């Protein structure tokens, strides 16, 4: 009986330690298409650095001539980074920008007709 209680206590402590390593609530890595007609702009989030934190960029692999892309700060400051009007059908991309704890960013795009859309807040 003593061994069973000891094993249960060890399992409980180990489980709590694993749960404590979970990602922050807003953290999400992946790639999402920003839905704007005539623009093939993507929002990409990756873990980078040590210790690892989210970094975000926008990119296109083509078909976005005349579109504008940028990163938008979802906080009340509303700052932007990496703004570019795409002048061709080739591959373009922004720099990587920190999107870790304390940051809330999203990629936005606008086509030549003024239609605009944004990816998910991260």
PDB file of N, CA and C in Angstrom:
ATOM      1  N   UNK A   1       0.829  -1.189   0.000  1.00  0.00           N
ATOM      2  CA  UNK A   1       0.000   0.000   0.000  1.00  0.00           C
ATOM      3  C   UNK A   1       0.873   1.252   0.000  1.00  0.00           C
ATOM      4  N   UNK A   2       1.975   1.188   0.791  1.00  0.00           N
ATOM      5  CA  UNK A   2       2.893   2.321   0.865  1.00  0.00           C
ATOM      6  C   UNK A   2       3.499   2.615  -0.507  1.00  0.00           C
ATOM      7  N   UNK A   3       3.867   1.546  -1.242  1.00  0.00           N
ATOM      8  CA  UNK A   3       4.459   1.710  -2.569  1.00  0.00           C
ATOM      9  C   UNK A   3       3.462   2.304  -3.563  1.00  0.00           C
ATOM     10  N   UNK A   4       2.203   1.947  -3.454  1.00  0.00           N
ATOM     11  CA  UNK A   4       1.172   2.477  -4.349  1.00  0.00           C
ATOM     12  C   UNK A   4       0.996   3.972  -4.114  1.00  0.00           C
ATOM     13  N   UNK A   5       0.949   4.385  -2.825  1.00  0.00           N
ATOM     14  CA  UNK A   5       0.826   5.811  -2.521  1.00  0.00           C
ATOM     15  C   UNK A   5       2.035   6.588  -3.020  1.00  0.00           C
ATOM     16  N   UNK A   6       3.222   6.035  -2.841  1.00  0.00           N
ATOM     17  CA  UNK A   6       4.447   6.700  -3.293  1.00  0.00           C
ATOM     18  C   UNK A   6       4.429   6.837  -4.821  1.00  0.00           C
ATOM     19  N   UNK A   7       4.039   5.794  -5.538  1.00  0.00           N
ATOM     20  CA  UNK A   7       3.974   5.834  -7.002  1.00  0.00           C
ATOM     21  C   UNK A   7       2.951   6.866  -7.467  1.00  0.00           C
ATOM     22  N   UNK A   8       1.819   6.942  -6.783  1.00  0.00           N
ATOM     23  CA  UNK A   8       0.790   7.921  -7.142  1.00  0.00           C
ATOM     24  C   UNK A   8       1.295   9.342  -6.917  1.00  0.00           C
ATOM     25  N   UNK A   9       2.027   9.564  -5.826  1.00  0.00           N
ATOM     26  CA  UNK A   9       2.568  10.894  -5.540  1.00  0.00           C
ATOM     27  C   UNK A   9       3.600  11.291  -6.589  1.00  0.00           C
ATOM     28  N   UNK A  10       4.471  10.371  -6.964  1.00  0.00           N
ATOM     29  CA  UNK A  10       5.480  10.655  -7.994  1.00  0.00           C
ATOM     30  C   UNK A  10       4.799  10.952  -9.328  1.00  0.00           C
ATOM     31  N   UNK A  11       3.792  10.179  -9.696  1.00  0.00           N
ATOM     32  CA  UNK A  11       3.067  10.400 -10.949  1.00  0.00           C
ATOM     33  C   UNK A  11       2.378  11.767 -10.948  1.00  0.00           C
ATOM     34  N   UNK A  12       1.810  12.145  -9.812  1.00  0.00           N
ATOM     35  CA  UNK A  12       1.152  13.447  -9.708  1.00  0.00           C
ATOM     36  C   UNK A  12       2.117  14.597  -9.879  1.00  0.00           C
ATOM     37  N   UNK A  13       3.297  14.498  -9.254  1.00  0.00           N
ATOM     38  CA  UNK A  13       4.314  15.543  -9.379  1.00  0.00           C
ATOM     39  C   UNK A  13       4.820  15.618 -10.811  1.00  0.00           C
ATOM     40  N   UNK A  14       5.070  14.460 -11.436  1.00  0.00           N
ATOM     41  CA  UNK A  14       5.548  14.441 -12.826  1.00  0.00           C
ATOM     42  C   UNK A  14       4.498  15.036 -13.763  1.00  0.00           C
ATOM     43  N   UNK A  15       3.239  14.711 -13.551  1.00  0.00           N
ATOM     44  CA  UNK A  15       2.165  15.264 -14.386  1.00  0.00           C
ATOM     45  C   UNK A  15       2.074  16.773 -14.247  1.00  0.00           C
ATOM     46  N   UNK A  16       2.210  17.287 -13.036  1.00  0.00           N
ATOM     47  CA  UNK A  16       2.165  18.743 -12.821  1.00  0.00           C
ATOM     48  C   UNK A  16       3.346  19.417 -13.508  1.00  0.00           C
ATOM     49  N   UNK A  17       4.509  18.781 -13.484  1.00  0.00           N
ATOM     50  CA  UNK A  17       5.684  19.361 -14.140  1.00  0.00           C
ATOM     51  C   UNK A  17       5.480  19.431 -15.643  1.00  0.00           C
ATOM     52  N   UNK A  18       4.913  18.385 -16.234  1.00  0.00           N
ATOM     53  CA  UNK A  18       4.663  18.380 -17.682  1.00  0.00           C
ATOM     54  C   UNK A  18       3.642  19.448 -18.046  1.00  0.00           C
ATOM     55  N   UNK A  19       2.576  19.572 -17.286  1.00  0.00           N
ATOM     56  CA  UNK A  19       1.564  20.579 -17.563  1.00  0.00           C
ATOM     57  C   UNK A  19       2.135  21.991 -17.452  1.00  0.00           C
ATOM     58  N   UNK A  20       3.088  22.200 -16.578  1.00  0.00           N
ATOM     59  CA  UNK A  20       3.707  23.510 -16.420  1.00  0.00           C
ATOM     60  C   UNK A  20       4.532  23.926 -17.619  1.00  0.00           C
ATOM     61  N   UNK A  21       4.868  22.991 -18.492  1.00  0.00           N
ATOM     62  CA  UNK A  21       5.655  23.296 -19.684  1.00  0.00           C
ATOM     63  C   UNK A  21       4.790  23.668 -20.874  1.00  0.00           C
ATOM     64  N   UNK A  22       3.493  23.723 -20.715  1.00  0.00           N
ATOM     65  CA  UNK A  22       2.582  24.019 -21.820  1.00  0.00           C
ATOM     66  C   UNK A  22       2.842  25.373 -22.438  1.00  0.00           C
ATOM     67  N   UNK A  23       2.402  25.563 -23.692  1.00  0.00           N
ATOM     68  CA  UNK A  23       2.594  26.810 -24.423  1.00  0.00           C
ATOM     69  C   UNK A  23       1.632  27.881 -23.921  1.00  0.00           C
ATOM     70  N   UNK A  24       2.007  29.151 -24.043  1.00  0.00           N
ATOM     71  CA  UNK A  24       1.104  30.230 -23.662  1.00  0.00           C
ATOM     72  C   UNK A  24      -0.207  30.139 -24.453  1.00  0.00           C
ATOM     73  N   UNK A  25      -1.264  30.721 -23.911  1.00  0.00           N
ATOM     74  CA  UNK A  25      -2.590  30.599 -24.520  1.00  0.00           C
ATOM     75  C   UNK A  25      -2.649  31.113 -25.950  1.00  0.00           C
ATOM     76  N   UNK A  26      -1.891  32.159 -26.294  1.00  0.00           N
ATOM     77  CA  UNK A  26      -1.972  32.748 -27.633  1.00  0.00           C
ATOM     78  C   UNK A  26      -0.992  32.121 -28.615  1.00  0.00           C
ATOM     79  N   UNK A  27      -0.089  31.280 -28.141  1.00  0.00           N
ATOM     80  CA  UNK A  27       0.957  30.743 -29.013  1.00  0.00           C
ATOM     81  C   UNK A  27       0.369  29.744 -30.003  1.00  0.00           C
ATOM     82  N   UNK A  28       0.685  29.921 -31.264  1.00  0.00           N
ATOM     83  CA  UNK A  28       0.276  28.978 -32.301  1.00  0.00           C
ATOM     84  C   UNK A  28       1.278  29.061 -33.432  1.00  0.00           C
ATOM     85  N   UNK A  29       1.854  27.932 -33.796  1.00  0.00           N
ATOM     86  CA  UNK A  29       2.780  27.902 -34.908  1.00  0.00           C
ATOM     87  C   UNK A  29       2.052  27.339 -36.115  1.00  0.00           C
ATOM     88  N   UNK A  30       2.399  27.855 -37.300  1.00  0.00           N
ATOM     89  CA  UNK A  30       1.782  27.353 -38.515  1.00  0.00           C
ATOM     90  C   UNK A  30       1.751  28.414 -39.589  1.00  0.00           C
ATOM     91  N   UNK A  31       1.014  28.120 -40.644  1.00  0.00           N
ATOM     92  CA  UNK A  31       0.878  29.012 -41.800  1.00  0.00           C
ATOM     93  C   UNK A  31      -0.596  29.141 -42.144  1.00  0.00           C
ATOM     94  N   UNK A  32      -1.056  30.388 -42.357  1.00  0.00           N
ATOM     95  CA  UNK A  32      -2.446  30.666 -42.692  1.00  0.00           C
ATOM     96  C   UNK A  32      -2.498  31.590 -43.907  1.00  0.00           C
ATOM     97  N   UNK A  33      -3.406  31.315 -44.831  1.00  0.00           N
ATOM     98  CA  UNK A  33      -3.608  32.195 -45.980  1.00  0.00           C
ATOM     99  C   UNK A  33      -4.428  33.392 -45.538  1.00  0.00           C
ATOM    100  N   UNK A  34      -3.995  34.585 -45.949  1.00  0.00           N
ATOM    101  CA  UNK A  34      -4.751  35.808 -45.688  1.00  0.00           C
ATOM    102  C   UNK A  34      -5.714  35.947 -46.863  1.00  0.00           C
ATOM    103  N   UNK A  35      -7.001  35.924 -46.591  1.00  0.00           N
ATOM    104  CA  UNK A  35      -8.016  35.870 -47.638  1.00  0.00           C
ATOM    105  C   UNK A  35      -8.321  37.257 -48.222  1.00  0.00           C
ATOM    106  N   UNK A  36      -7.677  37.557 -49.361  1.00  0.00           N
ATOM    107  CA  UNK A  36      -7.908  38.789 -50.108  1.00  0.00           C
ATOM    108  C   UNK A  36      -7.891  38.418 -51.589  1.00  0.00           C
ATOM    109  N   UNK A  37      -8.945  38.724 -52.347  1.00  0.00           N
ATOM    110  CA  UNK A  37      -8.973  38.376 -53.767  1.00  0.00           C
ATOM    111  C   UNK A  37      -7.762  38.945 -54.520  1.00  0.00           C
ATOM    112  N   UNK A  38      -7.118  38.082 -55.312  1.00  0.00           N
ATOM    113  CA  UNK A  38      -5.983  38.508 -56.125  1.00  0.00           C
ATOM    114  C   UNK A  38      -4.655  38.558 -55.391  1.00  0.00           C
ATOM    115  N   UNK A  39      -4.634  38.199 -54.108  1.00  0.00           N
ATOM    116  CA  UNK A  39      -3.398  38.194 -53.321  1.00  0.00           C
ATOM    117  C   UNK A  39      -3.166  36.792 -52.770  1.00  0.00           C
ATOM    118  N   UNK A  40      -1.961  36.314 -52.894  1.00  0.00           N
ATOM    119  CA  UNK A  40      -1.580  35.024 -52.313  1.00  0.00           C
ATOM    120  C   UNK A  40      -0.593  35.274 -51.180  1.00  0.00           C
ATOM    121  N   UNK A  41      -1.080  35.917 -50.143  1.00  0.00           N
ATOM    122  CA  UNK A  41      -0.266  36.299 -48.996  1.00  0.00           C
ATOM    123  C   UNK A  41      -0.531  35.309 -47.859  1.00  0.00           C
ATOM    124  N   UNK A  42       0.539  34.908 -47.189  1.00  0.00           N
ATOM    125  CA  UNK A  42       0.437  33.960 -46.085  1.00  0.00           C
ATOM    126  C   UNK A  42       1.047  34.540 -44.815  1.00  0.00           C
ATOM    127  N   UNK A  43       0.453  34.185 -43.694  1.00  0.00           N
ATOM    128  CA  UNK A  43       0.981  34.510 -42.366  1.00  0.00           C
ATOM    129  C   UNK A  43       1.673  33.256 -41.866  1.00  0.00           C
ATOM    130  N   UNK A  44       2.921  33.401 -41.449  1.00  0.00           N
ATOM    131  CA  UNK A  44       3.690  32.257 -40.960  1.00  0.00           C
ATOM    132  C   UNK A  44       4.226  32.554 -39.566  1.00  0.00           C
ATOM    133  N   UNK A  45       4.063  31.600 -38.654  1.00  0.00           N
ATOM    134  CA  UNK A  45       4.546  31.732 -37.278  1.00  0.00           C
ATOM    135  C   UNK A  45       5.408  30.511 -36.973  1.00  0.00           C
ATOM    136  N   UNK A  46       6.622  30.772 -36.462  1.00  0.00           N
ATOM    137  CA  UNK A  46       7.547  29.703 -36.099  1.00  0.00           C
ATOM    138  C   UNK A  46       8.166  29.988 -34.744  1.00  0.00           C
ATOM    139  N   UNK A  47       8.528  28.909 -34.040  1.00  0.00           N
ATOM    140  CA  UNK A  47       9.333  29.042 -32.827  1.00  0.00           C
ATOM    141  C   UNK A  47      10.781  29.234 -33.252  1.00  0.00           C
ATOM    142  N   UNK A  48      11.425  30.258 -32.703  1.00  0.00           N
ATOM    143  CA  UNK A  48      12.824  30.531 -33.024  1.00  0.00           C
ATOM    144  C   UNK A  48      13.537  31.002 -31.772  1.00  0.00           C
ATOM    145  N   UNK A  49      14.860  30.870 -31.766  1.00  0.00           N
ATOM    146  CA  UNK A  49      15.681  31.384 -30.677  1.00  0.00           C
ATOM    147  C   UNK A  49      15.796  30.420 -29.512  1.00  0.00           C
ATOM    148  N   UNK A  50      16.546  30.870 -28.510  1.00  0.00           N
ATOM    149  CA  UNK A  50      16.740  30.089 -27.306  1.00  0.00           C
ATOM    150  C   UNK A  50      16.760  31.039 -26.104  1.00  0.00           C
ATOM    151  N   UNK A  51      15.754  31.014 -25.238  1.00  0.00           N
ATOM    152  CA  UNK A  51      14.613  30.102 -25.286  1.00  0.00           C
ATOM    153  C   UNK A  51      13.697  30.439 -26.458  1.00  0.00           C
ATOM    154  N   UNK A  52      13.004  29.436 -26.961  1.00  0.00           N
ATOM    155  CA  UNK A  52      12.174  29.588 -28.156  1.00  0.00           C
ATOM    156  C   UNK A  52      10.940  30.451 -27.887  1.00  0.00           C
ATOM    157  N   UNK A  53      10.684  31.384 -28.805  1.00  0.00           N
ATOM    158  CA  UNK A  53       9.480  32.217 -28.790  1.00  0.00           C
ATOM    159  C   UNK A  53       8.939  32.294 -30.206  1.00  0.00           C
ATOM    160  N   UNK A  54       7.679  32.706 -30.326  1.00  0.00           N
ATOM    161  CA  UNK A  54       7.071  32.866 -31.646  1.00  0.00           C
ATOM    162  C   UNK A  54       7.691  34.040 -32.395  1.00  0.00           C
ATOM    163  N   UNK A  55       7.883  33.832 -33.687  1.00  0.00           N
ATOM    164  CA  UNK A  55       8.260  34.895 -34.625  1.00  0.00           C
ATOM    165  C   UNK A  55       7.318  34.791 -35.803  1.00  0.00           C
ATOM    166  N   UNK A  56       6.967  35.947 -36.389  1.00  0.00           N
ATOM    167  CA  UNK A  56       5.992  35.989 -37.468  1.00  0.00           C
ATOM    168  C   UNK A  56       6.549  36.730 -38.669  1.00  0.00           C
ATOM    169  N   UNK A  57       6.096  36.317 -39.855  1.00  0.00           N
ATOM    170  CA  UNK A  57       6.397  37.036 -41.090  1.00  0.00           C
ATOM    171  C   UNK A  57       5.253  36.818 -42.066  1.00  0.00           C
ATOM    172  N   UNK A  58       5.231  37.609 -43.144  1.00  0.00           N
ATOM    173  CA  UNK A  58       4.324  37.353 -44.261  1.00  0.00           C
ATOM    174  C   UNK A  58       5.185  36.908 -45.435  1.00  0.00           C
ATOM    175  N   UNK A  59       4.565  36.153 -46.349  1.00  0.00           N
ATOM    176  CA  UNK A  59       5.270  35.787 -47.576  1.00  0.00           C
ATOM    177  C   UNK A  59       4.272  35.495 -48.686  1.00  0.00           C
ATOM    178  N   UNK A  60       4.768  35.551 -49.931  1.00  0.00           N
ATOM    179  CA  UNK A  60       4.006  35.140 -51.097  1.00  0.00           C
ATOM    180  C   UNK A  60       4.950  34.367 -52.002  1.00  0.00           C
ATOM    181  N   UNK A  61       4.429  33.354 -52.664  1.00  0.00           N
ATOM    182  CA  UNK A  61       5.231  32.589 -53.613  1.00  0.00           C
ATOM    183  C   UNK A  61       4.898  32.995 -55.047  1.00  0.00           C
ATOM    184  N   UNK A  62       4.117  34.068 -55.191  1.00  0.00           N
ATOM    185  CA  UNK A  62       3.758  34.565 -56.516  1.00  0.00           C
ATOM    186  C   UNK A  62       2.275  34.861 -56.614  1.00  0.00           C
ATOM    187  N   UNK A  63       1.913  35.572 -57.672  1.00  0.00           N
ATOM    188  CA  UNK A  63       0.503  35.877 -57.904  1.00  0.00           C
ATOM    189  C   UNK A  63      -0.047  36.974 -57.017  1.00  0.00           C
ATOM    190  N   UNK A  64       0.810  37.868 -56.526  1.00  0.00           N
ATOM    191  CA  UNK A  64       0.358  38.938 -55.624  1.00  0.00           C
ATOM    192  C   UNK A  64       0.754  40.324 -56.132  1.00  0.00           C
ATOM    193  N   UNK A  65       0.984  40.453 -57.432  1.00  0.00           N
ATOM    194  CA  UNK A  65       1.382  41.741 -57.999  1.00  0.00           C
ATOM    195  C   UNK A  65       0.355  42.829 -57.657  1.00  0.00           C
ATOM    196  N   UNK A  66       0.820  43.951 -57.143  1.00  0.00           N
ATOM    197  CA  UNK A  66      -0.052  45.070 -56.787  1.00  0.00           C
ATOM    198  C   UNK A  66      -0.666  44.972 -55.401  1.00  0.00           C
ATOM    199  N   UNK A  67      -0.427  43.875 -54.697  1.00  0.00           N
ATOM    200  CA  UNK A  67      -0.947  43.724 -53.334  1.00  0.00           C
ATOM    201  C   UNK A  67       0.026  44.367 -52.344  1.00  0.00           C
ATOM    202  N   UNK A  68      -0.503  44.735 -51.209  1.00  0.00           N
ATOM    203  CA  UNK A  68       0.293  45.292 -50.124  1.00  0.00           C
ATOM    204  C   UNK A  68       0.166  44.348 -48.937  1.00  0.00           C
ATOM    205  N   UNK A  69       1.267  44.101 -48.236  1.00  0.00           N
ATOM    206  CA  UNK A  69       1.248  43.211 -47.076  1.00  0.00           C
ATOM    207  C   UNK A  69       2.010  43.865 -45.932  1.00  0.00           C
ATOM    208  N   UNK A  70       1.597  43.562 -44.697  1.00  0.00           N
ATOM    209  CA  UNK A  70       2.261  44.096 -43.518  1.00  0.00           C
ATOM    210  C   UNK A  70       1.849  43.294 -42.296  1.00  0.00           C
ATOM    211  N   UNK A  71       2.603  43.461 -41.206  1.00  0.00           N
ATOM    212  CA  UNK A  71       2.237  42.907 -39.910  1.00  0.00           C
ATOM    213  C   UNK A  71       1.594  44.018 -39.100  1.00  0.00           C
ATOM    214  N   UNK A  72       0.481  43.695 -38.452  1.00  0.00           N
ATOM    215  CA  UNK A  72      -0.272  44.672 -37.665  1.00  0.00           C
ATOM    216  C   UNK A  72      -0.275  44.256 -36.205  1.00  0.00           C
ATOM    217  N   UNK A  73       0.034  45.199 -35.329  1.00  0.00           N
ATOM    218  CA  UNK A  73       0.028  44.987 -33.885  1.00  0.00           C
ATOM    219  C   UNK A  73      -1.415  45.094 -33.396  1.00  0.00           C
ATOM    220  N   UNK A  74      -1.950  43.999 -32.872  1.00  0.00           N
ATOM    221  CA  UNK A  74      -3.327  43.982 -32.418  1.00  0.00           C
ATOM    222  C   UNK A  74      -3.570  44.690 -31.100  1.00  0.00           C
ATOM    223  N   UNK A  75      -2.531  45.270 -30.504  1.00  0.00           N
ATOM    224  CA  UNK A  75      -2.707  46.006 -29.249  1.00  0.00           C
ATOM    225  C   UNK A  75      -3.225  47.411 -29.559  1.00  0.00           C
ATOM    226  N   UNK A  76      -3.591  48.180 -28.550  1.00  0.00           N
ATOM    227  CA  UNK A  76      -4.109  49.538 -28.788  1.00  0.00           C
ATOM    228  C   UNK A  76      -3.134  50.458 -29.545  1.00  0.00           C
ATOM    229  N   UNK A  77      -1.824  50.145 -29.530  1.00  0.00           N
ATOM    230  CA  UNK A  77      -0.872  51.004 -30.238  1.00  0.00           C
ATOM    231  C   UNK A  77      -1.053  50.924 -31.756  1.00  0.00           C
ATOM    232  N   UNK A  78      -1.492  49.768 -32.268  1.00  0.00           N
ATOM    233  CA  UNK A  78      -1.761  49.614 -33.692  1.00  0.00           C
ATOM    234  C   UNK A  78      -0.557  49.818 -34.600  1.00  0.00           C
ATOM    235  N   UNK A  79       0.650  49.484 -34.147  1.00  0.00           N
ATOM    236  CA  UNK A  79       1.853  49.633 -34.960  1.00  0.00           C
ATOM    237  C   UNK A  79       1.858  48.657 -36.131  1.00  0.00           C
ATOM    238  N   UNK A  80       2.639  48.988 -37.166  1.00  0.00           N
ATOM    239  CA  UNK A  80       2.823  48.079 -38.291  1.00  0.00           C
ATOM    240  C   UNK A  80       4.310  47.844 -38.506  1.00  0.00           C
ATOM    241  N   UNK A  81       4.625  46.700 -39.122  1.00  0.00           N
ATOM    242  CA  UNK A  81       6.005  46.335 -39.459  1.00  0.00           C
ATOM    243  C   UNK A  81       6.000  45.623 -40.803  1.00  0.00           C
ATOM    244  N   UNK A  82       7.115  45.705 -41.502  1.00  0.00           N
ATOM    245  CA  UNK A  82       7.301  44.913 -42.711  1.00  0.00           C
ATOM    246  C   UNK A  82       6.381  45.268 -43.868  1.00  0.00           C
ATOM    247  N   UNK A  83       5.906  46.502 -43.920  1.00  0.00           N
ATOM    248  CA  UNK A  83       4.962  46.906 -44.970  1.00  0.00           C
ATOM    249  C   UNK A  83       5.663  46.937 -46.324  1.00  0.00           C
ATOM    250  N   UNK A  84       5.012  46.346 -47.346  1.00  0.00           N
ATOM    251  CA  UNK A  84       5.569  46.355 -48.698  1.00  0.00           C
ATOM    252  C   UNK A  84       4.450  46.239 -49.726  1.00  0.00           C
ATOM    253  N   UNK A  85       4.549  47.037 -50.790  1.00  0.00           N
ATOM    254  CA  UNK A  85       3.701  46.873 -51.963  1.00  0.00           C
ATOM    255  C   UNK A  85       4.460  45.953 -52.905  1.00  0.00           C
ATOM    256  N   UNK A  86       3.824  44.883 -53.307  1.00  0.00           N
ATOM    257  CA  UNK A  86       4.487  43.864 -54.116  1.00  0.00           C
ATOM    258  C   UNK A  86       4.403  44.258 -55.589  1.00  0.00           C
ATOM    259  N   UNK A  87       5.550  44.365 -56.224  1.00  0.00           N
ATOM    260  CA  UNK A  87       5.613  44.842 -57.612  1.00  0.00           C
ATOM    261  C   UNK A  87       6.171  43.751 -58.520  1.00  0.00           C
ATOM    262  N   UNK A  88       5.450  42.692 -58.643  1.00  0.00           N
ATOM    263  CA  UNK A  88       5.846  41.577 -59.493  1.00  0.00           C
ATOM    264  C   UNK A  88       5.123  40.322 -59.058  1.00  0.00           C
ATOM    265  N   UNK A  89       5.327  39.248 -59.807  1.00  0.00           N
ATOM    266  CA  UNK A  89       4.651  37.991 -59.485  1.00  0.00           C
ATOM    267  C   UNK A  89       5.590  36.955 -58.889  1.00  0.00           C
ATOM    268  N   UNK A  90       6.776  37.376 -58.438  1.00  0.00           N
ATOM    269  CA  UNK A  90       7.730  36.445 -57.841  1.00  0.00           C
ATOM    270  C   UNK A  90       7.472  36.222 -56.370  1.00  0.00           C
ATOM    271  N   UNK A  91       8.464  35.624 -55.730  1.00  0.00           N
ATOM    272  CA  UNK A  91       8.399  35.362 -54.293  1.00  0.00           C
ATOM    273  C   UNK A  91       8.898  36.577 -53.520  1.00  0.00           C
ATOM    274  N   UNK A  92       8.147  36.974 -52.519  1.00  0.00           N
ATOM    275  CA  UNK A  92       8.506  38.091 -51.642  1.00  0.00           C
ATOM    276  C   UNK A  92       8.205  37.669 -50.213  1.00  0.00           C
ATOM    277  N   UNK A  93       8.912  38.259 -49.269  1.00  0.00           N
ATOM    278  CA  UNK A  93       8.659  37.952 -47.864  1.00  0.00           C
ATOM    279  C   UNK A  93       9.198  39.071 -46.994  1.00  0.00           C
ATOM    280  N   UNK A  94       8.629  39.172 -45.797  1.00  0.00           N
ATOM    281  CA  UNK A  94       9.103  40.152 -44.815  1.00  0.00           C
ATOM    282  C   UNK A  94      10.184  39.514 -43.964  1.00  0.00           C
ATOM    283  N   UNK A  95      10.799  40.319 -43.138  1.00  0.00           N
ATOM    284  CA  UNK A  95      11.696  39.798 -42.107  1.00  0.00           C
ATOM    285  C   UNK A  95      10.848  39.071 -41.069  1.00  0.00           C
ATOM    286  N   UNK A  96      11.511  38.312 -40.214  1.00  0.00           N
ATOM    287  CA  UNK A  96      10.844  37.704 -39.070  1.00  0.00           C
ATOM    288  C   UNK A  96      10.769  38.738 -37.955  1.00  0.00           C
ATOM    289  N   UNK A  97       9.611  38.814 -37.286  1.00  0.00           N
ATOM    290  CA  UNK A  97       9.418  39.745 -36.183  1.00  0.00           C
ATOM    291  C   UNK A  97       8.966  38.984 -34.938  1.00  0.00           C
ATOM    292  N   UNK A  98       9.485  39.396 -33.795  1.00  0.00           N
ATOM    293  CA  UNK A  98       9.148  38.773 -32.510  1.00  0.00           C
ATOM    294  C   UNK A  98       7.650  38.847 -32.274  1.00  0.00           C
ATOM    295  N   UNK A  99       7.068  37.708 -31.898  1.00  0.00           N
ATOM    296  CA  UNK A  99       5.637  37.620 -31.622  1.00  0.00           C
ATOM    297  C   UNK A  99       5.415  36.762 -30.374  1.00  0.00           C
ATOM    298  N   UNK A 100       6.343  36.862 -29.425  1.00  0.00           N
ATOM    299  CA  UNK A 100       6.264  36.045 -28.224  1.00  0.00           C
ATOM    300  C   UNK A 100       5.391  36.683 -27.160  1.00  0.00           C
ATOM    301  N   UNK A 101       5.556  36.249 -25.913  1.00  0.00           N
ATOM    302  CA  UNK A 101       4.746  36.773 -24.810  1.00  0.00           C
ATOM    303  C   UNK A 101       4.743  38.302 -24.774  1.00  0.00           C
ATOM    304  N   UNK A 102       3.567  38.860 -24.586  1.00  0.00           N
ATOM    305  CA  UNK A 102       3.421  40.312 -24.551  1.00  0.00           C
ATOM    306  C   UNK A 102       3.165  40.933 -25.908  1.00  0.00           C
ATOM    307  N   UNK A 103       3.164  40.119 -26.972  1.00  0.00           N
ATOM    308  CA  UNK A 103       2.929  40.625 -28.329  1.00  0.00           C
ATOM    309  C   UNK A 103       1.693  39.971 -28.921  1.00  0.00           C
ATOM    310  N   UNK A 104       0.952  40.717 -29.718  1.00  0.00           N
ATOM    311  CA  UNK A 104      -0.213  40.187 -30.441  1.00  0.00           C
ATOM    312  C   UNK A 104      -0.180  40.767 -31.850  1.00  0.00           C
ATOM    313  N   UNK A 105       0.236  39.961 -32.820  1.00  0.00           N
ATOM    314  CA  UNK A 105       0.393  40.422 -34.196  1.00  0.00           C
ATOM    315  C   UNK A 105      -0.472  39.600 -35.144  1.00  0.00           C
ATOM    316  N   UNK A 106      -0.671  40.140 -36.335  1.00  0.00           N
ATOM    317  CA  UNK A 106      -1.332  39.420 -37.417  1.00  0.00           C
ATOM    318  C   UNK A 106      -0.847  40.020 -38.732  1.00  0.00           C
ATOM    319  N   UNK A 107      -0.889  39.222 -39.793  1.00  0.00           N
ATOM    320  CA  UNK A 107      -0.533  39.700 -41.123  1.00  0.00           C
ATOM    321  C   UNK A 107      -1.793  40.204 -41.800  1.00  0.00           C
ATOM    322  N   UNK A 108      -1.689  41.389 -42.424  1.00  0.00           N
ATOM    323  CA  UNK A 108      -2.800  41.955 -43.179  1.00  0.00           C
ATOM    324  C   UNK A 108      -2.352  42.192 -44.620  1.00  0.00           C
ATOM    325  N   UNK A 109      -3.297  42.193 -45.532  1.00  0.00           N
ATOM    326  CA  UNK A 109      -3.006  42.427 -46.947  1.00  0.00           C
ATOM    327  C   UNK A 109      -4.154  43.215 -47.566  1.00  0.00           C
ATOM    328  N   UNK A 110      -3.820  43.937 -48.643  1.00  0.00           N
ATOM    329  CA  UNK A 110      -4.811  44.726 -49.385  1.00  0.00           C
ATOM    330  C   UNK A 110      -4.488  44.579 -50.870  1.00  0.00           C
ATOM    331  N   UNK A 111      -5.528  44.377 -51.683  1.00  0.00           N
ATOM    332  CA  UNK A 111      -5.309  44.287 -53.130  1.00  0.00           C
ATOM    333  C   UNK A 111      -5.425  45.670 -53.771  1.00  0.00           C
ATOM    334  N   UNK A 112      -5.197  45.747 -55.071  1.00  0.00           N
ATOM    335  CA  UNK A 112      -5.226  47.018 -55.793  1.00  0.00           C
ATOM    336  C   UNK A 112      -6.586  47.696 -55.793  1.00  0.00           C
ATOM    337  N   UNK A 113      -7.657  46.957 -55.500  1.00  0.00           N
ATOM    338  CA  UNK A 113      -9.009  47.532 -55.436  1.00  0.00           C
ATOM    339  C   UNK A 113      -9.368  48.018 -54.032  1.00  0.00           C
ATOM    340  N   UNK A 114      -8.455  47.839 -53.094  1.00  0.00           N
ATOM    341  CA  UNK A 114      -8.703  48.289 -51.730  1.00  0.00           C
ATOM    342  C   UNK A 114      -9.320  47.252 -50.812  1.00  0.00           C
ATOM    343  N   UNK A 115      -9.578  46.036 -51.327  1.00  0.00           N
ATOM    344  CA  UNK A 115     -10.134  44.983 -50.471  1.00  0.00           C
ATOM    345  C   UNK A 115      -9.031  44.512 -49.531  1.00  0.00           C
ATOM    346  N   UNK A 116      -9.379  44.347 -48.267  1.00  0.00           N
ATOM    347  CA  UNK A 116      -8.387  44.033 -47.247  1.00  0.00           C
ATOM    348  C   UNK A 116      -8.822  42.858 -46.397  1.00  0.00           C
ATOM    349  N   UNK A 117      -7.843  42.124 -45.878  1.00  0.00           N
ATOM    350  CA  UNK A 117      -8.098  41.024 -44.964  1.00  0.00           C
ATOM    351  C   UNK A 117      -6.892  40.821 -44.080  1.00  0.00           C
ATOM    352  N   UNK A 118      -7.085  40.105 -42.970  1.00  0.00           N
ATOM    353  CA  UNK A 118      -5.996  39.840 -42.035  1.00  0.00           C
ATOM    354  C   UNK A 118      -6.049  38.379 -41.588  1.00  0.00           C
ATOM    355  N   UNK A 119      -4.883  37.860 -41.245  1.00  0.00           N
ATOM    356  CA  UNK A 119      -4.805  36.512 -40.690  1.00  0.00           C
ATOM    357  C   UNK A 119      -5.204  36.538 -39.218  1.00  0.00           C
ATOM    358  N   UNK A 120      -5.117  35.384 -38.565  1.00  0.00           N
ATOM    359  CA  UNK A 120      -5.511  35.318 -37.146  1.00  0.00           C
ATOM    360  C   UNK A 120      -4.536  36.057 -36.246  1.00  0.00           C
ATOM    361  N   UNK A 121      -5.048  36.647 -35.171  1.00  0.00           N
ATOM    362  CA  UNK A 121      -4.189  37.250 -34.155  1.00  0.00           C
ATOM    363  C   UNK A 121      -3.381  36.154 -33.484  1.00  0.00           C
ATOM    364  N   UNK A 122      -2.123  36.433 -33.224  1.00  0.00           N
ATOM    365  CA  UNK A 122      -1.279  35.471 -32.526  1.00  0.00           C
ATOM    366  C   UNK A 122      -0.454  36.212 -31.483  1.00  0.00           C
TER     367      UNK A 122
END
